[in-house]
N, C-alpha and C. Protein backbone atom coordinates (compact mmCIF):
# COMPACT_ATOMS: atom_id res chain seq x y z
N UNK A 1 72.99 61.34 41.47
CA UNK A 1 73.93 60.62 41.87
C UNK A 1 75.11 61.24 42.47
N UNK A 2 75.58 60.83 43.61
CA UNK A 2 76.77 61.41 44.30
C UNK A 2 78.07 61.06 43.61
N UNK A 3 78.94 62.05 43.73
CA UNK A 3 80.06 61.72 42.74
C UNK A 3 81.27 61.92 43.73
N UNK A 4 82.41 61.13 43.77
CA UNK A 4 83.56 61.42 44.55
C UNK A 4 84.81 61.37 43.66
N UNK A 5 85.73 62.08 44.18
CA UNK A 5 87.11 62.22 43.40
C UNK A 5 88.14 61.42 44.24
N UNK A 6 88.92 60.48 43.64
CA UNK A 6 89.96 59.81 44.33
C UNK A 6 91.12 60.88 44.38
N UNK A 7 91.55 61.11 45.38
CA UNK A 7 92.39 62.13 45.85
C UNK A 7 93.88 61.50 46.16
N UNK A 8 94.02 60.09 46.10
CA UNK A 8 95.14 59.66 45.99
C UNK A 8 95.48 58.53 45.17
N UNK A 9 95.42 58.79 43.94
CA UNK A 9 95.62 57.69 42.79
C UNK A 9 97.06 56.93 42.83
N UNK A 10 96.84 55.89 42.37
CA UNK A 10 98.29 55.25 42.42
C UNK A 10 99.04 55.58 41.49
N UNK A 11 100.28 55.43 41.64
CA UNK A 11 101.42 55.97 40.83
C UNK A 11 101.15 55.78 39.37
N UNK A 12 101.25 56.68 38.40
CA UNK A 12 100.94 56.76 37.19
C UNK A 12 99.59 56.43 36.58
N UNK A 13 98.52 56.65 37.54
CA UNK A 13 97.36 56.56 37.09
C UNK A 13 96.56 58.07 37.28
N UNK A 14 95.75 58.37 36.51
CA UNK A 14 94.94 59.60 36.72
C UNK A 14 93.78 59.47 37.98
N UNK A 15 93.59 60.45 38.57
CA UNK A 15 92.67 60.81 39.42
C UNK A 15 91.29 60.26 38.92
N UNK A 16 90.46 59.32 39.55
CA UNK A 16 89.23 59.01 38.84
C UNK A 16 88.14 59.55 39.82
N UNK A 17 87.05 59.74 39.00
CA UNK A 17 85.81 60.15 39.52
C UNK A 17 84.96 58.79 39.64
N UNK A 18 84.10 58.73 40.98
CA UNK A 18 83.49 57.63 41.21
C UNK A 18 82.04 58.01 41.67
N UNK A 19 81.20 57.13 41.21
CA UNK A 19 79.72 57.32 41.60
C UNK A 19 79.53 56.46 42.79
N UNK A 20 78.68 57.03 43.63
CA UNK A 20 78.51 56.41 44.91
C UNK A 20 77.92 54.88 44.78
N UNK A 21 78.59 54.00 45.41
CA UNK A 21 78.49 52.56 45.54
C UNK A 21 79.37 51.95 44.62
N UNK A 22 80.24 52.59 43.83
CA UNK A 22 81.10 51.88 43.03
C UNK A 22 81.99 50.92 43.86
N UNK A 23 82.16 49.86 43.42
CA UNK A 23 83.14 48.90 44.12
C UNK A 23 84.41 49.33 43.92
N UNK A 24 85.03 50.03 43.32
CA UNK A 24 86.42 50.74 43.33
C UNK A 24 86.49 52.08 43.84
N UNK A 25 85.65 52.38 44.53
CA UNK A 25 85.66 53.81 45.16
C UNK A 25 86.63 53.65 46.25
N UNK A 26 87.63 54.52 46.47
CA UNK A 26 88.68 54.64 47.43
C UNK A 26 87.90 54.91 48.92
N UNK A 27 88.64 54.64 49.92
CA UNK A 27 88.07 54.65 51.40
C UNK A 27 88.01 56.28 51.72
N UNK A 28 87.24 56.50 52.63
CA UNK A 28 87.11 58.01 53.05
C UNK A 28 88.12 59.00 53.20
N UNK A 29 89.38 58.34 53.55
CA UNK A 29 90.47 59.11 53.56
C UNK A 29 91.15 59.41 52.25
N UNK A 30 90.61 58.98 51.17
CA UNK A 30 91.52 58.94 49.95
C UNK A 30 90.24 59.61 48.90
N UNK A 31 89.38 60.27 49.52
CA UNK A 31 88.35 60.63 48.23
C UNK A 31 87.75 62.05 48.94
N UNK A 32 87.28 62.66 47.83
CA UNK A 32 86.81 63.84 47.93
C UNK A 32 85.50 64.08 47.32
N UNK A 33 84.28 64.44 48.10
CA UNK A 33 82.95 64.53 47.46
C UNK A 33 82.88 65.71 46.49
N UNK A 34 82.38 65.63 45.48
CA UNK A 34 82.37 66.47 44.36
C UNK A 34 80.96 67.10 44.53
N UNK A 35 79.82 66.30 44.70
CA UNK A 35 78.44 66.71 44.60
C UNK A 35 77.43 65.80 44.07
N UNK A 36 76.16 66.14 43.90
CA UNK A 36 74.95 65.41 43.31
C UNK A 36 74.97 65.97 42.04
N UNK A 37 75.08 65.10 41.01
CA UNK A 37 74.94 65.59 39.60
C UNK A 37 73.94 64.16 38.92
N UNK A 38 73.49 64.64 37.74
CA UNK A 38 72.52 63.69 36.89
C UNK A 38 73.25 62.74 36.23
N UNK A 39 74.69 63.14 35.93
CA UNK A 39 75.56 62.01 35.26
C UNK A 39 76.94 62.44 35.45
N UNK A 40 77.92 61.70 35.08
CA UNK A 40 79.14 61.95 35.31
C UNK A 40 79.75 63.14 34.74
N UNK A 41 79.49 63.63 33.64
CA UNK A 41 80.00 64.88 32.88
C UNK A 41 80.17 66.03 33.83
N UNK A 42 79.22 66.63 34.46
CA UNK A 42 79.58 67.70 35.30
C UNK A 42 80.78 67.51 36.43
N UNK A 43 80.62 66.17 36.98
CA UNK A 43 81.44 65.89 38.10
C UNK A 43 82.92 65.69 37.43
N UNK A 44 83.21 65.27 36.36
CA UNK A 44 84.56 65.25 35.81
C UNK A 44 84.94 66.54 35.44
N UNK A 45 84.20 67.41 34.88
CA UNK A 45 84.45 68.98 34.61
C UNK A 45 85.03 69.35 35.90
N UNK A 46 84.03 69.34 37.05
CA UNK A 46 84.65 69.78 38.25
C UNK A 46 85.77 69.32 38.79
N UNK A 47 86.06 68.01 38.58
CA UNK A 47 87.08 67.22 39.12
C UNK A 47 88.41 67.89 38.45
N UNK A 48 88.21 68.31 36.96
CA UNK A 48 89.43 68.71 36.28
C UNK A 48 89.95 70.05 36.57
N UNK A 49 89.07 70.73 37.44
CA UNK A 49 89.27 72.09 37.82
C UNK A 49 90.59 72.03 39.11
N UNK A 50 90.26 70.84 39.59
CA UNK A 50 91.20 70.64 40.71
C UNK A 50 92.56 69.82 40.27
N UNK A 51 92.30 68.80 39.44
CA UNK A 51 93.17 67.92 38.64
C UNK A 51 92.97 67.60 37.14
N UNK A 52 93.89 68.27 36.59
CA UNK A 52 93.75 68.34 34.99
C UNK A 52 93.55 66.99 34.34
N UNK A 53 94.11 66.11 34.85
CA UNK A 53 94.14 64.86 34.20
C UNK A 53 92.95 63.74 34.83
N UNK A 54 92.11 64.35 35.60
CA UNK A 54 91.00 63.61 36.26
C UNK A 54 90.17 62.86 35.11
N UNK A 55 89.73 61.78 35.29
CA UNK A 55 88.89 60.86 34.42
C UNK A 55 87.82 60.13 35.01
N UNK A 56 86.76 59.67 34.39
CA UNK A 56 85.69 59.04 34.89
C UNK A 56 86.37 57.62 35.16
N UNK A 57 85.78 56.86 36.37
CA UNK A 57 86.02 55.54 36.61
C UNK A 57 85.42 54.61 35.46
N UNK A 58 86.14 53.68 34.82
CA UNK A 58 85.97 52.75 33.88
C UNK A 58 84.56 52.03 34.07
N UNK A 59 84.40 51.61 35.54
CA UNK A 59 83.50 50.88 35.94
C UNK A 59 82.17 51.62 36.18
N UNK A 60 82.21 52.66 36.63
CA UNK A 60 80.82 53.37 37.15
C UNK A 60 80.45 54.62 36.51
N UNK A 61 81.64 55.09 35.83
CA UNK A 61 81.29 56.42 35.11
C UNK A 61 82.07 56.16 33.71
N UNK A 62 81.79 55.18 33.14
CA UNK A 62 82.08 54.70 31.66
C UNK A 62 81.92 55.82 30.73
N UNK A 63 80.80 56.47 30.81
CA UNK A 63 80.55 57.49 29.83
C UNK A 63 81.71 58.59 29.71
N UNK A 64 82.28 58.78 30.95
CA UNK A 64 83.23 59.91 31.10
C UNK A 64 84.74 59.52 31.07
N UNK A 65 84.79 58.10 30.77
CA UNK A 65 86.31 57.39 31.04
C UNK A 65 86.90 57.79 29.49
N UNK A 66 87.97 58.51 29.42
CA UNK A 66 88.79 58.49 28.28
C UNK A 66 90.11 58.32 28.15
N UNK A 67 90.64 57.85 29.50
CA UNK A 67 92.02 57.65 29.45
C UNK A 67 92.29 56.26 29.96
């Protein structure tokens, strides 16, 4: 599965990691491709190297949603 990081989160929200096809994925100008992973865990770990507060999307990466 391909994962993307929302690089323009709304005020007061954490940057979220989305799986390709998520209906809440931000537009192309507001996301960064993280890579192809078997699940959301490695994608969120990579995202946290860029944004320490990154979290999985509740809807498409629920197993990694912690905040």
